[in-house]
PDB file of N, CA and C in Angstrom:
ATOM      1  N   MET A   1     -68.506  56.677  46.024  1.00  0.00           N
ATOM      2  CA  MET A   1     -67.688  55.612  45.491  1.00  0.00           C
ATOM      3  C   MET A   1     -66.272  56.147  45.280  1.00  0.00           C
ATOM      4  N   GLY A   2     -65.277  55.352  45.596  1.00  0.00           N
ATOM      5  CA  GLY A   2     -63.885  55.736  45.429  1.00  0.00           C
ATOM      6  C   GLY A   2     -63.473  55.748  43.968  1.00  0.00           C
ATOM      7  N   ARG A   3     -62.313  56.289  43.749  1.00  0.00           N
ATOM      8  CA  ARG A   3     -61.771  56.371  42.391  1.00  0.00           C
ATOM      9  C   ARG A   3     -61.300  54.990  41.941  1.00  0.00           C
ATOM     10  N   MET A   4     -61.629  54.623  40.726  1.00  0.00           N
ATOM     11  CA  MET A   4     -61.220  53.334  40.169  1.00  0.00           C
ATOM     12  C   MET A   4     -60.273  53.591  39.006  1.00  0.00           C
ATOM     13  N   VAL A   5     -59.102  52.946  39.054  1.00  0.00           N
ATOM     14  CA  VAL A   5     -58.103  53.057  37.999  1.00  0.00           C
ATOM     15  C   VAL A   5     -57.929  51.676  37.392  1.00  0.00           C
ATOM     16  N   ILE A   6     -58.008  51.617  36.066  1.00  0.00           N
ATOM     17  CA  ILE A   6     -57.855  50.353  35.349  1.00  0.00           C
ATOM     18  C   ILE A   6     -56.609  50.437  34.489  1.00  0.00           C
ATOM     19  N   GLY A   7     -55.752  49.455  34.632  1.00  0.00           N
ATOM     20  CA  GLY A   7     -54.542  49.378  33.818  1.00  0.00           C
ATOM     21  C   GLY A   7     -54.651  48.221  32.843  1.00  0.00           C
ATOM     22  N   ALA A   8     -54.317  48.470  31.603  1.00  0.00           N
ATOM     23  CA  ALA A   8     -54.329  47.440  30.565  1.00  0.00           C
ATOM     24  C   ALA A   8     -52.946  47.382  29.924  1.00  0.00           C
ATOM     25  N   LEU A   9     -52.447  46.181  29.755  1.00  0.00           N
ATOM     26  CA  LEU A   9     -51.112  45.972  29.200  1.00  0.00           C
ATOM     27  C   LEU A   9     -51.203  44.916  28.112  1.00  0.00           C
ATOM     28  N   SER A  10     -50.700  45.244  26.937  1.00  0.00           N
ATOM     29  CA  SER A  10     -50.634  44.294  25.828  1.00  0.00           C
ATOM     30  C   SER A  10     -49.181  43.874  25.667  1.00  0.00           C
ATOM     31  N   LEU A  11     -48.934  42.565  25.678  1.00  0.00           N
ATOM     32  CA  LEU A  11     -47.581  42.016  25.566  1.00  0.00           C
ATOM     33  C   LEU A  11     -47.498  41.140  24.328  1.00  0.00           C
ATOM     34  N   LYS A  12     -46.488  41.372  23.490  1.00  0.00           N
ATOM     35  CA  LYS A  12     -46.277  40.547  22.300  1.00  0.00           C
ATOM     36  C   LYS A  12     -44.957  39.800  22.455  1.00  0.00           C
ATOM     37  N   PHE A  13     -45.008  38.495  22.189  1.00  0.00           N
ATOM     38  CA  PHE A  13     -43.855  37.629  22.393  1.00  0.00           C
ATOM     39  C   PHE A  13     -43.489  36.855  21.141  1.00  0.00           C
ATOM     40  N   ALA A  14     -42.219  36.492  21.071  1.00  0.00           N
ATOM     41  CA  ALA A  14     -41.734  35.488  20.126  1.00  0.00           C
ATOM     42  C   ALA A  14     -41.361  34.270  20.966  1.00  0.00           C
ATOM     43  N   ILE A  15     -41.771  33.105  20.494  1.00  0.00           N
ATOM     44  CA  ILE A  15     -41.470  31.856  21.199  1.00  0.00           C
ATOM     45  C   ILE A  15     -40.675  30.996  20.230  1.00  0.00           C
ATOM     46  N   PHE A  16     -39.375  31.227  20.191  1.00  0.00           N
ATOM     47  CA  PHE A  16     -38.525  30.607  19.182  1.00  0.00           C
ATOM     48  C   PHE A  16     -38.404  29.098  19.342  1.00  0.00           C
ATOM     49  N   GLY A  17     -38.530  28.587  20.547  1.00  0.00           N
ATOM     50  CA  GLY A  17     -38.373  27.155  20.777  1.00  0.00           C
ATOM     51  C   GLY A  17     -39.601  26.322  20.468  1.00  0.00           C
ATOM     52  N   ALA A  18     -40.713  26.943  20.136  1.00  0.00           N
ATOM     53  CA  ALA A  18     -41.954  26.209  19.881  1.00  0.00           C
ATOM     54  C   ALA A  18     -41.938  25.608  18.478  1.00  0.00           C
ATOM     55  N   THR A  19     -42.067  24.291  18.405  1.00  0.00           N
ATOM     56  CA  THR A  19     -42.131  23.615  17.110  1.00  0.00           C
ATOM     57  C   THR A  19     -43.560  23.227  16.746  1.00  0.00           C
ATOM     58  N   SER A  20     -44.484  23.439  17.681  1.00  0.00           N
ATOM     59  CA  SER A  20     -45.892  23.132  17.434  1.00  0.00           C
ATOM     60  C   SER A  20     -46.756  24.063  18.280  1.00  0.00           C
ATOM     61  N   LEU A  21     -48.045  24.085  17.980  1.00  0.00           N
ATOM     62  CA  LEU A  21     -48.959  24.876  18.801  1.00  0.00           C
ATOM     63  C   LEU A  21     -49.015  24.343  20.223  1.00  0.00           C
ATOM     64  N   LYS A  22     -48.837  23.037  20.377  1.00  0.00           N
ATOM     65  CA  LYS A  22     -48.821  22.436  21.713  1.00  0.00           C
ATOM     66  C   LYS A  22     -47.646  22.983  22.533  1.00  0.00           C
ATOM     67  N   ASP A  23     -46.477  23.098  21.920  1.00  0.00           N
ATOM     68  CA  ASP A  23     -45.321  23.691  22.599  1.00  0.00           C
ATOM     69  C   ASP A  23     -45.628  25.129  23.023  1.00  0.00           C
ATOM     70  N   LYS A  24     -46.214  25.884  22.110  1.00  0.00           N
ATOM     71  CA  LYS A  24     -46.549  27.271  22.387  1.00  0.00           C
ATOM     72  C   LYS A  24     -47.537  27.363  23.549  1.00  0.00           C
ATOM     73  N   ARG A  25     -48.573  26.544  23.519  1.00  0.00           N
ATOM     74  CA  ARG A  25     -49.601  26.581  24.565  1.00  0.00           C
ATOM     75  C   ARG A  25     -49.000  26.292  25.937  1.00  0.00           C
ATOM     76  N   ARG A  26     -48.042  25.370  25.992  1.00  0.00           N
ATOM     77  CA  ARG A  26     -47.393  25.035  27.255  1.00  0.00           C
ATOM     78  C   ARG A  26     -46.651  26.266  27.804  1.00  0.00           C
ATOM     79  N   VAL A  27     -45.916  26.955  26.940  1.00  0.00           N
ATOM     80  CA  VAL A  27     -45.171  28.154  27.346  1.00  0.00           C
ATOM     81  C   VAL A  27     -46.133  29.250  27.785  1.00  0.00           C
ATOM     82  N   VAL A  28     -47.154  29.500  26.981  1.00  0.00           N
ATOM     83  CA  VAL A  28     -48.111  30.571  27.268  1.00  0.00           C
ATOM     84  C   VAL A  28     -48.879  30.279  28.555  1.00  0.00           C
ATOM     85  N   SER A  29     -49.319  29.048  28.723  1.00  0.00           N
ATOM     86  CA  SER A  29     -50.068  28.682  29.927  1.00  0.00           C
ATOM     87  C   SER A  29     -49.220  28.861  31.186  1.00  0.00           C
ATOM     88  N   SER A  30     -47.977  28.436  31.118  1.00  0.00           N
ATOM     89  CA  SER A  30     -47.077  28.596  32.262  1.00  0.00           C
ATOM     90  C   SER A  30     -46.858  30.071  32.585  1.00  0.00           C
ATOM     91  N   LEU A  31     -46.631  30.871  31.571  1.00  0.00           N
ATOM     92  CA  LEU A  31     -46.403  32.303  31.776  1.00  0.00           C
ATOM     93  C   LEU A  31     -47.647  32.972  32.354  1.00  0.00           C
ATOM     94  N   LYS A  32     -48.808  32.667  31.825  1.00  0.00           N
ATOM     95  CA  LYS A  32     -50.059  33.227  32.339  1.00  0.00           C
ATOM     96  C   LYS A  32     -50.244  32.890  33.814  1.00  0.00           C
ATOM     97  N   ASP A  33     -50.025  31.627  34.174  1.00  0.00           N
ATOM     98  CA  ASP A  33     -50.196  31.201  35.562  1.00  0.00           C
ATOM     99  C   ASP A  33     -49.229  31.922  36.496  1.00  0.00           C
ATOM    100  N   ARG A  34     -47.964  32.031  36.074  1.00  0.00           N
ATOM    101  CA  ARG A  34     -46.971  32.699  36.912  1.00  0.00           C
ATOM    102  C   ARG A  34     -47.292  34.178  37.092  1.00  0.00           C
ATOM    103  N   LEU A  35     -47.708  34.835  36.017  1.00  0.00           N
ATOM    104  CA  LEU A  35     -48.034  36.260  36.102  1.00  0.00           C
ATOM    105  C   LEU A  35     -49.240  36.512  37.005  1.00  0.00           C
ATOM    106  N   SER A  36     -50.299  35.740  36.806  1.00  0.00           N
ATOM    107  CA  SER A  36     -51.520  35.994  37.582  1.00  0.00           C
ATOM    108  C   SER A  36     -51.308  35.723  39.062  1.00  0.00           C
ATOM    109  N   SER A  37     -50.520  34.694  39.401  1.00  0.00           N
ATOM    110  CA  SER A  37     -50.310  34.410  40.819  1.00  0.00           C
ATOM    111  C   SER A  37     -49.306  35.363  41.457  1.00  0.00           C
ATOM    112  N   ARG A  38     -48.279  35.759  40.731  1.00  0.00           N
ATOM    113  CA  ARG A  38     -47.237  36.632  41.296  1.00  0.00           C
ATOM    114  C   ARG A  38     -47.707  38.071  41.463  1.00  0.00           C
ATOM    115  N   PHE A  39     -48.501  38.579  40.509  1.00  0.00           N
ATOM    116  CA  PHE A  39     -48.873  39.986  40.516  1.00  0.00           C
ATOM    117  C   PHE A  39     -50.354  40.242  40.806  1.00  0.00           C
ATOM    118  N   ASN A  40     -51.144  39.201  41.006  1.00  0.00           N
ATOM    119  CA  ASN A  40     -52.578  39.345  41.272  1.00  0.00           C
ATOM    120  C   ASN A  40     -53.254  40.168  40.179  1.00  0.00           C
ATOM    121  N   ILE A  41     -53.064  39.746  38.936  1.00  0.00           N
ATOM    122  CA  ILE A  41     -53.613  40.420  37.762  1.00  0.00           C
ATOM    123  C   ILE A  41     -54.420  39.416  36.942  1.00  0.00           C
ATOM    124  N   SER A  42     -55.203  39.914  36.030  1.00  0.00           N
ATOM    125  CA  SER A  42     -55.914  39.055  35.082  1.00  0.00           C
ATOM    126  C   SER A  42     -55.094  38.975  33.804  1.00  0.00           C
ATOM    127  N   VAL A  43     -54.930  37.760  33.275  1.00  0.00           N
ATOM    128  CA  VAL A  43     -54.120  37.543  32.081  1.00  0.00           C
ATOM    129  C   VAL A  43     -54.881  36.637  31.125  1.00  0.00           C
ATOM    130  N   ALA A  44     -54.879  36.999  29.832  1.00  0.00           N
ATOM    131  CA  ALA A  44     -55.519  36.170  28.814  1.00  0.00           C
ATOM    132  C   ALA A  44     -54.711  36.227  27.527  1.00  0.00           C
ATOM    133  N   GLU A  45     -54.721  35.127  26.795  1.00  0.00           N
ATOM    134  CA  GLU A  45     -54.126  35.126  25.462  1.00  0.00           C
ATOM    135  C   GLU A  45     -55.128  35.782  24.531  1.00  0.00           C
ATOM    136  N   VAL A  46     -54.711  36.841  23.838  1.00  0.00           N
ATOM    137  CA  VAL A  46     -55.662  37.640  23.063  1.00  0.00           C
ATOM    138  C   VAL A  46     -55.340  37.740  21.577  1.00  0.00           C
ATOM    139  N   GLY A  47     -54.189  37.231  21.154  1.00  0.00           N
ATOM    140  CA  GLY A  47     -53.843  37.352  19.749  1.00  0.00           C
ATOM    141  C   GLY A  47     -52.833  36.318  19.321  1.00  0.00           C
ATOM    142  N   ALA A  48     -52.603  36.242  18.019  1.00  0.00           N
ATOM    143  CA  ALA A  48     -51.646  35.309  17.416  1.00  0.00           C
ATOM    144  C   ALA A  48     -51.951  33.867  17.828  1.00  0.00           C
ATOM    145  N   LEU A  49     -53.217  33.538  17.915  1.00  0.00           N
ATOM    146  CA  LEU A  49     -53.617  32.225  18.427  1.00  0.00           C
ATOM    147  C   LEU A  49     -53.172  31.064  17.544  1.00  0.00           C
ATOM    148  N   ASP A  50     -53.063  31.267  16.255  1.00  0.00           N
ATOM    149  CA  ASP A  50     -52.704  30.181  15.345  1.00  0.00           C
ATOM    150  C   ASP A  50     -51.254  30.233  14.878  1.00  0.00           C
ATOM    151  N   HIS A  51     -50.450  31.073  15.488  1.00  0.00           N
ATOM    152  CA  HIS A  51     -49.031  31.173  15.135  1.00  0.00           C
ATOM    153  C   HIS A  51     -48.211  30.469  16.210  1.00  0.00           C
ATOM    154  N   ARG A  52     -47.441  29.474  15.830  1.00  0.00           N
ATOM    155  CA  ARG A  52     -46.737  28.665  16.824  1.00  0.00           C
ATOM    156  C   ARG A  52     -45.569  29.371  17.478  1.00  0.00           C
ATOM    157  N   GLN A  53     -45.030  30.423  16.878  1.00  0.00           N
ATOM    158  CA  GLN A  53     -43.889  31.110  17.472  1.00  0.00           C
ATOM    159  C   GLN A  53     -44.192  32.555  17.850  1.00  0.00           C
ATOM    160  N   GLN A  54     -45.477  32.890  17.950  1.00  0.00           N
ATOM    161  CA  GLN A  54     -45.887  34.229  18.378  1.00  0.00           C
ATOM    162  C   GLN A  54     -46.999  34.090  19.406  1.00  0.00           C
ATOM    163  N   ALA A  55     -47.030  35.028  20.337  1.00  0.00           N
ATOM    164  CA  ALA A  55     -48.110  35.060  21.322  1.00  0.00           C
ATOM    165  C   ALA A  55     -48.385  36.502  21.701  1.00  0.00           C
ATOM    166  N   GLU A  56     -49.627  36.756  22.037  1.00  0.00           N
ATOM    167  CA  GLU A  56     -50.012  38.079  22.535  1.00  0.00           C
ATOM    168  C   GLU A  56     -50.885  37.883  23.763  1.00  0.00           C
ATOM    169  N   LEU A  57     -50.468  38.498  24.862  1.00  0.00           N
ATOM    170  CA  LEU A  57     -51.221  38.409  26.106  1.00  0.00           C
ATOM    171  C   LEU A  57     -51.790  39.772  26.461  1.00  0.00           C
ATOM    172  N   GLY A  58     -52.976  39.757  27.035  1.00  0.00           N
ATOM    173  CA  GLY A  58     -53.586  40.959  27.577  1.00  0.00           C
ATOM    174  C   GLY A  58     -53.595  40.845  29.090  1.00  0.00           C
ATOM    175  N   VAL A  59     -53.185  41.896  29.755  1.00  0.00           N
ATOM    176  CA  VAL A  59     -53.106  41.937  31.214  1.00  0.00           C
ATOM    177  C   VAL A  59     -53.942  43.111  31.695  1.00  0.00           C
ATOM    178  N   THR A  60     -54.738  42.905  32.744  1.00  0.00           N
ATOM    179  CA  THR A  60     -55.500  44.009  33.334  1.00  0.00           C
ATOM    180  C   THR A  60     -55.411  43.954  34.845  1.00  0.00           C
ATOM    181  N   MET A  61     -55.537  45.125  35.433  1.00  0.00           N
ATOM    182  CA  MET A  61     -55.630  45.211  36.884  1.00  0.00           C
ATOM    183  C   MET A  61     -56.440  46.446  37.251  1.00  0.00           C
ATOM    184  N   VAL A  62     -57.029  46.389  38.432  1.00  0.00           N
ATOM    185  CA  VAL A  62     -57.851  47.489  38.934  1.00  0.00           C
ATOM    186  C   VAL A  62     -57.349  47.858  40.323  1.00  0.00           C
ATOM    187  N   ALA A  63     -57.247  49.145  40.583  1.00  0.00           N
ATOM    188  CA  ALA A  63     -56.857  49.650  41.906  1.00  0.00           C
ATOM    189  C   ALA A  63     -57.413  51.060  42.055  1.00  0.00           C
ATOM    190  N   ASN A  64     -57.088  51.695  43.158  1.00  0.00           N
ATOM    191  CA  ASN A  64     -57.581  53.059  43.370  1.00  0.00           C
ATOM    192  C   ASN A  64     -56.474  54.100  43.275  1.00  0.00           C
ATOM    193  N   ASP A  65     -55.263  53.681  42.870  1.00  0.00           N
ATOM    194  CA  ASP A  65     -54.113  54.581  42.793  1.00  0.00           C
ATOM    195  C   ASP A  65     -53.402  54.393  41.457  1.00  0.00           C
ATOM    196  N   ARG A  66     -53.382  55.446  40.665  1.00  0.00           N
ATOM    197  CA  ARG A  66     -52.778  55.365  39.326  1.00  0.00           C
ATOM    198  C   ARG A  66     -51.304  54.960  39.385  1.00  0.00           C
ATOM    199  N   ARG A  67     -50.552  55.563  40.303  1.00  0.00           N
ATOM    200  CA  ARG A  67     -49.119  55.250  40.402  1.00  0.00           C
ATOM    201  C   ARG A  67     -48.887  53.794  40.771  1.00  0.00           C
ATOM    202  N   PHE A  68     -49.733  53.252  41.628  1.00  0.00           N
ATOM    203  CA  PHE A  68     -49.619  51.840  41.991  1.00  0.00           C
ATOM    204  C   PHE A  68     -49.823  50.954  40.765  1.00  0.00           C
ATOM    205  N   VAL A  69     -50.846  51.253  39.973  1.00  0.00           N
ATOM    206  CA  VAL A  69     -51.126  50.478  38.757  1.00  0.00           C
ATOM    207  C   VAL A  69     -49.957  50.580  37.785  1.00  0.00           C
ATOM    208  N   GLU A  70     -49.459  51.778  37.571  1.00  0.00           N
ATOM    209  CA  GLU A  70     -48.327  51.961  36.656  1.00  0.00           C
ATOM    210  C   GLU A  70     -47.106  51.181  37.117  1.00  0.00           C
ATOM    211  N   ARG A  71     -46.785  51.247  38.413  1.00  0.00           N
ATOM    212  CA  ARG A  71     -45.626  50.515  38.945  1.00  0.00           C
ATOM    213  C   ARG A  71     -45.794  49.015  38.808  1.00  0.00           C
ATOM    214  N   CYS A  72     -46.985  48.532  39.085  1.00  0.00           N
ATOM    215  CA  CYS A  72     -47.241  47.093  38.991  1.00  0.00           C
ATOM    216  C   CYS A  72     -47.089  46.612  37.550  1.00  0.00           C
ATOM    217  N   LEU A  73     -47.662  47.335  36.610  1.00  0.00           N
ATOM    218  CA  LEU A  73     -47.552  46.921  35.209  1.00  0.00           C
ATOM    219  C   LEU A  73     -46.112  47.042  34.715  1.00  0.00           C
ATOM    220  N   ASP A  74     -45.359  48.016  35.217  1.00  0.00           N
ATOM    221  CA  ASP A  74     -43.931  48.103  34.891  1.00  0.00           C
ATOM    222  C   ASP A  74     -43.182  46.876  35.408  1.00  0.00           C
ATOM    223  N   LYS A  75     -43.550  46.417  36.599  1.00  0.00           N
ATOM    224  CA  LYS A  75     -42.922  45.212  37.164  1.00  0.00           C
ATOM    225  C   LYS A  75     -43.254  43.981  36.339  1.00  0.00           C
ATOM    226  N   VAL A  76     -44.479  43.927  35.813  1.00  0.00           N
ATOM    227  CA  VAL A  76     -44.859  42.814  34.934  1.00  0.00           C
ATOM    228  C   VAL A  76     -43.959  42.801  33.701  1.00  0.00           C
ATOM    229  N   VAL A  77     -43.765  43.961  33.091  1.00  0.00           N
ATOM    230  CA  VAL A  77     -42.911  44.069  31.906  1.00  0.00           C
ATOM    231  C   VAL A  77     -41.485  43.628  32.250  1.00  0.00           C
ATOM    232  N   ASP A  78     -40.962  44.102  33.366  1.00  0.00           N
ATOM    233  CA  ASP A  78     -39.615  43.709  33.783  1.00  0.00           C
ATOM    234  C   ASP A  78     -39.517  42.199  33.984  1.00  0.00           C
ATOM    235  N   TYR A  79     -40.543  41.624  34.584  1.00  0.00           N
ATOM    236  CA  TYR A  79     -40.562  40.181  34.839  1.00  0.00           C
ATOM    237  C   TYR A  79     -40.541  39.382  33.530  1.00  0.00           C
ATOM    238  N   VAL A  80     -41.383  39.755  32.577  1.00  0.00           N
ATOM    239  CA  VAL A  80     -41.448  38.983  31.332  1.00  0.00           C
ATOM    240  C   VAL A  80     -40.207  39.200  30.463  1.00  0.00           C
ATOM    241  N   ARG A  81     -39.536  40.325  30.620  1.00  0.00           N
ATOM    242  CA  ARG A  81     -38.276  40.539  29.893  1.00  0.00           C
ATOM    243  C   ARG A  81     -37.228  39.507  30.297  1.00  0.00           C
ATOM    244  N   LEU A  82     -37.278  39.046  31.539  1.00  0.00           N
ATOM    245  CA  LEU A  82     -36.305  38.083  32.051  1.00  0.00           C
ATOM    246  C   LEU A  82     -36.684  36.632  31.761  1.00  0.00           C
ATOM    247  N   ASP A  83     -37.893  36.404  31.276  1.00  0.00           N
ATOM    248  CA  ASP A  83     -38.352  35.038  31.016  1.00  0.00           C
ATOM    249  C   ASP A  83     -37.580  34.430  29.854  1.00  0.00           C
ATOM    250  N   ARG A  84     -37.101  33.224  30.040  1.00  0.00           N
ATOM    251  CA  ARG A  84     -36.295  32.573  29.002  1.00  0.00           C
ATOM    252  C   ARG A  84     -37.126  31.757  28.009  1.00  0.00           C
ATOM    253  N   SER A  85     -38.379  31.498  28.338  1.00  0.00           N
ATOM    254  CA  SER A  85     -39.201  30.678  27.447  1.00  0.00           C
ATOM    255  C   SER A  85     -39.831  31.487  26.324  1.00  0.00           C
ATOM    256  N   ALA A  86     -39.955  32.804  26.515  1.00  0.00           N
ATOM    257  CA  ALA A  86     -40.562  33.676  25.502  1.00  0.00           C
ATOM    258  C   ALA A  86     -39.824  35.008  25.496  1.00  0.00           C
ATOM    259  N   SER A  87     -39.601  35.548  24.313  1.00  0.00           N
ATOM    260  CA  SER A  87     -38.902  36.828  24.179  1.00  0.00           C
ATOM    261  C   SER A  87     -39.902  37.944  23.947  1.00  0.00           C
ATOM    262  N   LEU A  88     -39.887  38.945  24.824  1.00  0.00           N
ATOM    263  CA  LEU A  88     -40.776  40.088  24.677  1.00  0.00           C
ATOM    264  C   LEU A  88     -40.360  40.898  23.450  1.00  0.00           C
ATOM    265  N   VAL A  89     -41.314  41.085  22.532  1.00  0.00           N
ATOM    266  CA  VAL A  89     -41.058  41.815  21.291  1.00  0.00           C
ATOM    267  C   VAL A  89     -41.557  43.256  21.400  1.00  0.00           C
ATOM    268  N   ASP A  90     -42.729  43.431  22.011  1.00  0.00           N
ATOM    269  CA  ASP A  90     -43.333  44.753  22.099  1.00  0.00           C
ATOM    270  C   ASP A  90     -44.350  44.746  23.227  1.00  0.00           C
ATOM    271  N   TYR A  91     -44.656  45.934  23.750  1.00  0.00           N
ATOM    272  CA  TYR A  91     -45.708  46.054  24.755  1.00  0.00           C
ATOM    273  C   TYR A  91     -46.298  47.450  24.691  1.00  0.00           C
ATOM    274  N   GLU A  92     -47.515  47.566  25.210  1.00  0.00           N
ATOM    275  CA  GLU A  92     -48.199  48.853  25.258  1.00  0.00           C
ATOM    276  C   GLU A  92     -49.045  48.895  26.515  1.00  0.00           C
ATOM    277  N   THR A  93     -48.963  50.003  27.228  1.00  0.00           N
ATOM    278  CA  THR A  93     -49.704  50.178  28.479  1.00  0.00           C
ATOM    279  C   THR A  93     -50.710  51.299  28.311  1.00  0.00           C
ATOM    280  N   GLU A  94     -51.919  51.073  28.839  1.00  0.00           N
ATOM    281  CA  GLU A  94     -52.952  52.114  28.872  1.00  0.00           C
ATOM    282  C   GLU A  94     -53.527  52.164  30.269  1.00  0.00           C
ATOM    283  N   ILE A  95     -53.780  53.356  30.752  1.00  0.00           N
ATOM    284  CA  ILE A  95     -54.386  53.552  32.057  1.00  0.00           C
ATOM    285  C   ILE A  95     -55.693  54.308  31.844  1.00  0.00           C
ATOM    286  N   PHE A  96     -56.760  53.787  32.435  1.00  0.00           N
ATOM    287  CA  PHE A  96     -58.100  54.406  32.309  1.00  0.00           C
ATOM    288  C   PHE A  96     -58.582  54.861  33.674  1.00  0.00           C
TER     289      PHE A  96
END
């Protein structure tokens, strides 16, 4: 069996324009869809579920090359930094 590398990325956001949970869900859903289709990764909302101006997403990917996983997750971070609907507050990357 080949080598399997798993990358996990935790992203924390502030969503200043959200006045309700419905507003937040719209922003989060759009961001999740764009990330998963653009980078071929798995994305889920994993925290701050009841806070209308905060969101936490978990991102994972699997490949056979550590450097590829690291570069891809770095690109995800760069992409979300440019997003105008949510402001990236913090992130953490782990490679297994």
